[in-house]
Protein backbone atom coordinates (compact mmCIF):
# COMPACT_ATOMS: atom_id res chain seq x y z
CA MET A 1 73.33 232.28 180.32
CA PRO A 2 70.24 230.04 180.00
CA SER A 3 67.11 231.55 178.48
CA ARG A 4 65.02 230.46 181.44
CA LEU A 5 65.29 232.84 184.38
CA ARG A 6 66.10 231.56 187.85
CA PRO A 7 63.22 229.89 189.70
CA PHE A 8 61.02 231.74 192.15
CA ARG A 9 61.52 231.46 195.86
CA GLN A 10 58.54 230.82 198.07
CA ASN A 11 58.63 234.43 199.29
CA ALA A 12 58.94 235.98 195.83
CA ALA A 13 57.79 239.58 195.89
CA ILE A 14 54.38 240.16 194.34
CA ARG A 15 52.77 243.48 193.62
CA MET A 16 49.38 243.87 192.03
CA GLN A 17 48.26 247.08 190.39
CA LYS A 18 44.99 247.88 188.65
CA ALA A 19 44.56 250.15 185.62
CA THR A 20 41.82 250.75 183.06
CA ILE A 21 42.36 250.29 179.32
CA LEU A 22 39.55 250.26 176.76
CA GLY A 23 36.82 248.90 178.92
CA LEU A 24 39.00 246.29 180.61
CA ALA A 25 40.02 245.84 184.22
CA LEU A 26 43.76 245.30 183.73
CA PHE A 27 45.90 243.75 186.44
CA VAL A 28 49.68 244.02 186.32
CA GLY A 29 52.21 242.38 188.57
CA CYS A 30 55.79 241.23 188.81
CA LEU A 31 57.12 237.88 189.95
CA ALA A 32 60.80 238.13 190.77
CA LEU A 33 63.59 237.57 193.28
CA ILE A 34 63.93 241.32 193.81
CA PRO A 35 61.30 243.89 194.83
CA ALA A 36 58.54 244.10 192.28
CA ILE A 37 58.70 246.68 189.52
CA ASN A 38 55.69 248.88 188.81
CA THR A 39 55.24 247.76 185.22
CA ALA A 40 52.18 249.94 184.68
CA ALA A 41 54.22 253.06 185.34
CA GLN A 42 56.91 251.91 182.95
CA SER A 43 54.43 251.51 180.10
CA THR A 44 53.29 255.13 179.97
CA SER A 45 56.12 256.52 177.88
CA SER A 46 54.36 256.08 174.56
CA THR A 47 50.81 256.82 173.49
CA THR A 48 51.24 256.14 169.81
CA TRP A 49 52.82 252.73 169.22
CA ALA A 50 49.77 250.85 170.54
CA VAL A 51 46.41 252.58 170.64
CA SER A 52 42.81 251.57 171.21
CA ILE A 53 40.07 253.18 169.16
CA ILE A 54 36.64 253.65 170.69
CA LEU A 55 33.71 254.04 168.31
CA PRO A 56 30.01 254.22 169.20
CA ALA A 57 28.53 250.75 168.80
CA ARG A 58 26.23 252.05 166.04
CA LEU A 59 26.61 255.01 163.72
CA VAL A 60 24.01 256.71 161.53
CA SER A 61 24.70 257.14 157.83
CA GLY A 62 25.69 260.71 156.94
CA GLN A 63 25.34 261.95 160.54
CA PRO A 64 27.99 263.46 162.88
CA ALA A 65 29.77 261.25 165.41
CA THR A 66 32.68 261.34 167.86
CA LEU A 67 35.41 258.76 168.41
CA ALA A 68 38.12 258.48 171.06
CA VAL A 69 41.64 257.04 171.09
CA LEU A 70 43.41 255.64 174.14
CA GLY A 71 47.18 255.27 174.28
CA VAL A 72 49.06 252.27 175.65
CA ASP A 73 48.83 253.92 179.09
CA GLY A 74 45.03 253.85 178.98
CA ARG A 75 44.77 257.65 178.77
CA LEU A 76 43.06 259.64 176.05
CA ALA A 77 45.65 260.27 173.35
CA PRO A 78 45.76 263.60 171.44
CA GLY A 79 47.29 264.01 168.00
CA ILE A 80 46.52 260.48 166.76
CA THR A 81 45.54 260.16 163.08
CA VAL A 82 42.65 257.76 162.47
CA GLN A 83 41.74 256.43 159.03
CA LEU A 84 37.98 255.98 158.61
CA GLY A 85 37.14 253.66 155.75
CA ASN A 86 38.86 254.57 152.50
CA ASP A 87 37.99 258.24 152.19
CA GLN A 88 38.17 260.01 155.56
CA ARG A 89 40.97 260.79 157.97
CA VAL A 90 40.77 262.66 161.28
CA LYS A 91 43.17 263.56 164.09
CA THR A 92 42.27 263.49 167.76
CA ASP A 93 42.21 266.87 169.53
CA LYS A 94 43.60 267.74 172.95
CA THR A 95 40.82 265.72 174.60
CA GLY A 96 41.85 262.57 172.72
CA ARG A 97 38.66 262.62 170.65
CA ALA A 98 37.77 263.49 167.06
CA SER A 99 34.57 264.44 165.26
CA PHE A 100 33.64 262.90 161.92
CA THR A 101 30.69 262.18 159.67
CA ALA A 102 29.61 258.56 159.28
CA SER A 103 29.97 257.20 155.77
CA THR A 104 26.97 256.81 153.50
CA GLY A 105 28.36 254.01 151.36
CA GLY A 106 28.14 250.92 153.52
CA SER A 107 26.68 249.16 156.55
CA VAL A 108 29.92 249.13 158.57
CA LEU A 109 32.76 251.56 159.20
CA ILE A 110 36.30 250.38 159.94
CA ALA A 111 38.62 252.75 161.79
CA THR A 112 42.40 252.20 161.79
CA ALA A 113 45.20 253.88 163.74
CA ALA A 114 48.76 252.87 164.64
CA GLY A 115 48.25 249.29 163.53
CA ASN A 116 44.99 248.73 165.37
CA SER A 117 41.50 248.64 163.86
CA VAL A 118 37.89 248.40 165.04
CA ALA A 119 34.50 248.34 163.33
CA ALA A 120 31.08 249.84 164.01
CA LEU A 121 27.71 249.24 162.39
CA VAL A 122 26.22 252.01 160.23
CA ASP A 123 22.42 252.30 160.28
CA PRO A 124 20.25 254.21 157.79
CA ASP A 125 19.45 257.82 158.63
CA VAL A 126 16.27 257.95 160.70
CA SER A 127 16.72 261.50 161.96
CA SER A 128 13.01 262.18 161.46
CA ALA A 129 12.06 259.33 163.82
CA ALA A 130 11.12 260.02 167.42
CA ALA A 131 13.63 259.70 170.25
CA GLN A 132 13.91 256.19 171.68
CA VAL A 133 14.29 255.15 175.30
CA PRO A 134 17.96 254.23 175.90
CA ILE A 135 18.99 250.63 176.50
CA ILE A 136 21.64 250.02 179.18
CA ALA A 137 23.02 246.72 180.44
CA PRO A 138 21.68 245.80 183.91
CA VAL A 139 25.25 245.43 185.20
CA VAL A 140 28.27 247.49 184.10
CA SER A 141 31.83 247.91 185.33
CA GLN A 142 32.60 250.69 187.75
CA SER A 143 35.93 251.42 186.03
CA ASP A 144 35.22 250.58 182.38
CA GLN A 145 33.38 252.24 179.53
CA PHE A 146 29.92 250.93 178.67
CA PRO A 147 27.41 251.60 175.85
CA ILE A 148 24.10 253.43 176.05
CA CYS A 149 22.07 252.91 172.87
CA GLY A 150 18.73 254.29 171.72
CA ARG A 151 17.86 257.22 169.47
CA GLY A 152 18.02 260.98 169.92
CA PHE A 153 21.59 261.50 171.12
CA SER A 154 23.96 264.10 169.74
CA GLY A 155 26.92 263.06 167.61
CA ASP A 156 28.90 265.71 169.52
CA ALA A 157 30.07 263.83 172.62
CA ASP A 158 30.14 266.94 174.80
CA ALA A 159 26.51 267.77 174.01
CA ASN A 160 25.39 264.63 175.85
CA HIS A 161 25.34 264.88 179.64
CA VAL A 162 25.31 261.61 181.61
CA THR A 163 25.36 261.26 185.40
CA LEU A 164 25.45 258.16 187.61
CA ASN A 165 24.12 258.81 191.12
CA ASP A 166 24.63 262.55 190.45
CA ASP A 167 28.32 262.07 189.52
CA ARG A 168 29.10 263.31 186.01
CA ALA A 169 30.28 260.54 183.68
CA PHE A 170 32.58 261.12 180.71
CA VAL A 171 31.21 260.53 177.20
CA LEU A 172 34.08 259.06 175.21
CA ALA A 173 32.28 258.52 171.90
CA ALA A 174 28.88 259.40 170.50
CA SER A 175 26.49 259.07 167.58
CA PRO A 176 22.74 259.75 167.25
CA GLU A 177 22.14 256.12 168.31
CA CYS A 178 24.85 255.19 170.84
CA LEU A 179 27.14 256.64 173.48
CA ALA A 180 30.28 255.14 175.02
CA VAL A 181 30.35 256.28 178.65
CA LEU A 182 33.02 256.08 181.35
CA PRO A 183 31.84 256.37 185.00
CA SER A 184 33.32 259.00 187.26
CA PRO A 185 36.32 257.88 189.37
CA ARG A 186 34.11 258.69 192.37
CA ALA A 187 31.51 256.12 191.34
CA ILE A 188 30.70 253.62 194.10
CA PRO A 189 29.82 249.98 193.36
CA GLY A 190 26.15 249.18 193.75
CA PRO A 191 22.79 250.37 192.33
CA ALA A 192 23.11 253.47 190.14
CA ASN A 193 20.52 255.91 188.85
CA ILE A 194 21.43 257.24 185.41
CA SER A 195 20.36 260.59 184.01
CA ILE A 196 20.90 261.29 180.31
CA GLU A 197 20.37 264.75 178.84
CA THR A 198 20.76 265.64 175.18
CA PRO A 199 19.58 268.69 173.21
CA GLY A 200 15.80 268.37 173.33
CA ALA A 201 15.50 265.13 175.30
CA GLN A 202 16.04 263.68 178.76
CA TRP A 203 15.83 260.14 180.14
CA ASN A 204 16.29 258.34 183.45
CA ALA A 205 17.44 254.76 183.77
CA ALA A 206 19.07 252.40 186.24
CA THR A 207 21.93 249.90 186.33
CA THR A 208 24.31 248.31 188.82
CA LEU A 209 27.98 249.29 189.01
CA VAL A 210 30.37 246.43 189.76
CA SER A 211 34.04 246.61 190.75
CA LEU A 212 36.24 243.71 189.60
CA HIS A 213 39.42 243.01 191.55
CA PHE A 214 41.75 240.06 192.13
CA ASP A 215 43.46 238.76 195.25
CA PRO A 216 47.19 237.94 194.97
CA PRO A 217 47.84 234.30 194.02
CA LEU A 218 47.34 231.69 196.75
CA PRO A 219 49.56 229.85 197.42
CA PRO A 220 52.39 232.21 196.38
CA LEU A 221 53.56 231.59 192.83
CA THR A 222 56.39 229.12 192.40
CA PRO A 223 57.55 227.68 189.05
CA ASP A 224 55.71 224.55 187.94
CA LYS A 225 53.40 224.68 190.98
CA ARG A 226 49.69 225.33 190.75
CA SER A 227 48.03 228.29 192.40
CA ARG A 228 44.80 230.24 192.04
CA LEU A 229 43.62 233.79 191.58
CA VAL A 230 40.33 234.85 193.17
CA LEU A 231 38.23 237.36 191.24
CA HIS A 232 35.83 239.44 193.35
CA ALA A 233 32.77 241.23 191.94
CA GLN A 234 31.83 243.96 194.41
CA GLY A 235 28.50 245.77 194.06
CA SER A 236 26.20 242.95 192.93
CA ASP A 237 25.02 239.70 194.48
CA GLN A 238 24.03 238.29 191.09
CA ALA A 239 26.04 235.59 189.32
CA LEU A 240 27.92 237.40 186.53
CA ARG A 241 29.57 236.27 183.30
CA VAL A 242 33.15 237.58 183.24
CA LEU A 243 35.78 237.10 180.54
CA VAL A 244 39.34 236.77 181.88
CA GLU A 245 42.33 236.89 179.52
CA ASN A 246 46.00 236.22 180.22
CA ASN A 247 48.28 238.78 178.56
CA THR A 248 51.55 237.03 179.45
CA PRO A 249 51.18 233.27 178.85
CA GLY A 250 54.96 232.85 178.76
CA VAL A 251 55.20 233.89 182.41
CA LEU A 252 51.88 232.77 183.90
CA ARG A 253 49.62 230.03 182.52
CA PHE A 254 45.87 229.81 183.03
CA LEU A 255 45.25 226.07 183.41
CA ARG A 256 41.81 226.10 181.81
CA GLY A 257 42.85 228.29 178.89
CA ASP A 258 44.40 231.74 178.68
CA ARG A 259 41.05 233.17 177.59
CA GLN A 260 38.17 231.84 179.63
CA GLU A 261 34.66 232.76 180.66
CA LEU A 262 33.89 232.62 184.38
CA LEU A 263 30.58 232.62 186.19
CA THR A 264 30.81 234.24 189.59
CA SER A 265 29.20 232.60 192.58
CA GLY A 266 26.66 235.30 193.34
CA GLY A 267 25.76 236.15 196.93
CA ALA A 268 27.47 238.42 199.42
CA GLN A 269 30.91 237.01 198.59
CA ASN A 270 30.51 237.20 194.82
CA SER A 271 33.66 235.64 193.37
CA ALA A 272 35.23 233.11 190.99
CA ASP A 273 38.56 231.27 190.86
CA VAL A 274 41.17 231.09 188.10
CA ALA A 275 43.58 228.16 188.30
CA VAL A 276 47.10 229.27 187.31
CA GLN A 277 50.67 228.03 187.15
CA ALA A 278 53.85 230.12 187.13
CA ILE A 279 56.36 229.29 184.39
CA VAL A 280 59.30 231.71 184.78
CA THR A 281 60.09 234.86 186.70
CA GLY A 282 58.97 238.09 185.05
CA ASP A 283 56.21 240.63 184.70
CA PHE A 284 52.70 239.34 184.22
CA SER A 285 49.32 240.88 183.47
CA PHE A 286 45.77 239.75 182.88
CA HIS A 287 42.46 241.49 182.54
CA ALA A 288 38.79 240.87 183.15
CA ARG A 289 35.57 242.38 181.86
CA ILE A 290 31.89 241.85 182.43
CA LEU A 291 30.13 240.20 179.50
CA ALA A 292 26.83 241.59 178.26
CA ALA A 293 24.10 239.55 176.61
CA PRO A 294 25.07 238.42 173.07
CA ASP A 295 23.99 240.74 170.25
CA VAL A 296 23.08 238.22 167.56
CA ASP A 297 21.85 240.80 165.05
CA ALA A 298 25.09 242.79 165.24
CA ALA A 299 27.18 239.63 164.80
CA ARG A 300 25.12 238.57 161.79
CA ARG A 301 25.57 241.97 160.14
CA TYR A 302 29.33 241.93 160.67
CA LEU A 303 29.58 238.43 159.22
CA ALA A 304 27.49 239.37 156.17
CA VAL A 305 29.93 242.17 155.31
CA ALA A 306 32.94 239.98 156.15
CA ALA A 307 31.72 237.38 153.65
CA SER A 308 32.00 239.95 150.87
CA LEU A 309 35.67 240.53 151.79
CA ALA A 310 36.63 236.90 152.39
CA SER A 311 38.91 234.89 150.15
CA LYS A 312 37.17 232.38 147.90
CA ASP A 313 37.83 229.47 150.24
CA LEU A 314 36.20 231.31 153.18
CA GLN A 315 33.32 233.14 151.50
CA ARG A 316 30.80 230.31 151.78
CA GLN A 317 31.79 229.41 155.34
CA THR A 318 31.50 233.04 156.50
CA ARG A 319 28.16 233.49 154.73
CA ASN A 320 26.86 230.28 156.28
CA LEU A 321 27.75 231.54 159.76
CA ALA A 322 25.68 234.68 159.15
CA GLU A 323 22.75 232.60 157.90
CA ARG A 324 22.96 230.26 160.91
CA LEU A 325 22.60 233.20 163.27
CA ALA A 326 19.60 234.44 161.29
CA HIS A 327 17.82 231.07 161.50
CA HIS A 328 19.27 229.68 164.76
CA PRO A 329 19.99 232.67 167.04
CA ARG A 330 20.71 230.37 170.00
CA ASP A 331 23.80 228.92 168.30
CA THR A 332 25.94 231.79 169.58
CA GLN A 333 28.56 229.64 171.29
CA LYS A 334 29.03 227.28 168.35
CA VAL A 335 29.27 230.15 165.86
CA GLY A 336 31.63 232.01 168.16
CA ARG A 337 33.98 229.02 168.33
CA GLU A 338 33.98 228.68 164.54
CA ILE A 339 34.80 232.37 164.17
CA ASP A 340 37.71 231.96 166.58
CA GLU A 341 39.02 229.04 164.53
CA ILE A 342 38.94 231.11 161.33
CA MET A 343 40.65 234.04 163.06
CA SER A 344 43.45 231.81 164.32
CA THR A 345 44.69 231.37 160.74
CA THR A 346 43.71 234.78 159.33
CA MET A 347 46.12 237.67 158.88
CA ALA A 348 45.34 241.22 160.02
CA GLY A 349 43.06 243.18 157.72
CA ASP A 350 39.47 244.32 157.29
CA TYR A 351 38.16 240.76 157.07
CA ARG A 352 39.76 239.81 160.39
CA THR A 353 38.56 243.04 162.02
CA LEU A 354 34.98 242.23 161.05
CA LEU A 355 35.33 238.66 162.31
CA GLY A 356 36.62 240.03 165.61
CA SER A 357 33.66 242.40 165.89
CA ALA A 358 31.26 239.52 165.23
CA ALA A 359 32.97 237.36 167.85
CA SER A 360 32.84 240.16 170.43
CA ALA A 361 29.12 240.66 169.76
CA LEU A 362 28.50 236.98 170.55
CA GLU A 363 30.42 236.88 173.85
């Protein structure tokens, strides 16, 4: 039997389903000669073989914090052991979260679980400083987690109360400086008033909630024929930067790259196109997320630590990237591309995790 599956017919069944995984709008479908299979439902059997760790964007040295772990199904995963640096290990409770104390021995913390790892910055303890007005992106996803950063939060996630248009949001992760917040499923796209209450402080802020969704491919997908996906951004008439990534390049190819940044049109019909081409029959998935403004300082700090872990042939190059951001903060795209090139030939490990964090900060 040939390795290539039979070609599509023009009326191949297509089913699109949306899920939420680690701050990403994930779209799953099936291209086949038989009725489509709900691949999202099939992927919920395990919460341990592939997990996503959510840390607050910034931690405070020696202060309490909360992390969260999501399973492959996108749900909070209890009973997952997370290694924090070299000297601390925690297990998520029944809510899929775990409390810990940020390390005092470095400027970053790397968390690892079930083969996945993420990093967060660690700031000096400024607990005696006054509370600081929170900073929130002007546009956030209706279905994805987003950061709220300032000063004066509680490291206990449940001690922070956040509402969007009077609907209670869920605080996934927390530190004295940052929260990771997931809007309520009842949240409606459009302008949102945010209320944040912590022990001893209260703030009000505003943002705009946006819903990202795709139309099925037009024309219908057929092997070796071009088609397009239309991404809609409901809730805002502003042109938005959106990162779209193809999870299944062996089934569906994005013609301008399987990881590409889009700029939506703005206006009442706020949308953008993705040119695609079907390759073989099979399940496909892709995801999209709204890009915030680049955080040059965070990227520079990650690169500075990465340089200390780099092999001899990469130490100078990594250090130079950090110095370029310090002296030329507008070079975010060039530095980001160079980081991607290094990562393409770098094996998994702390160095690669830090490079990935720097690249994400520059998106």
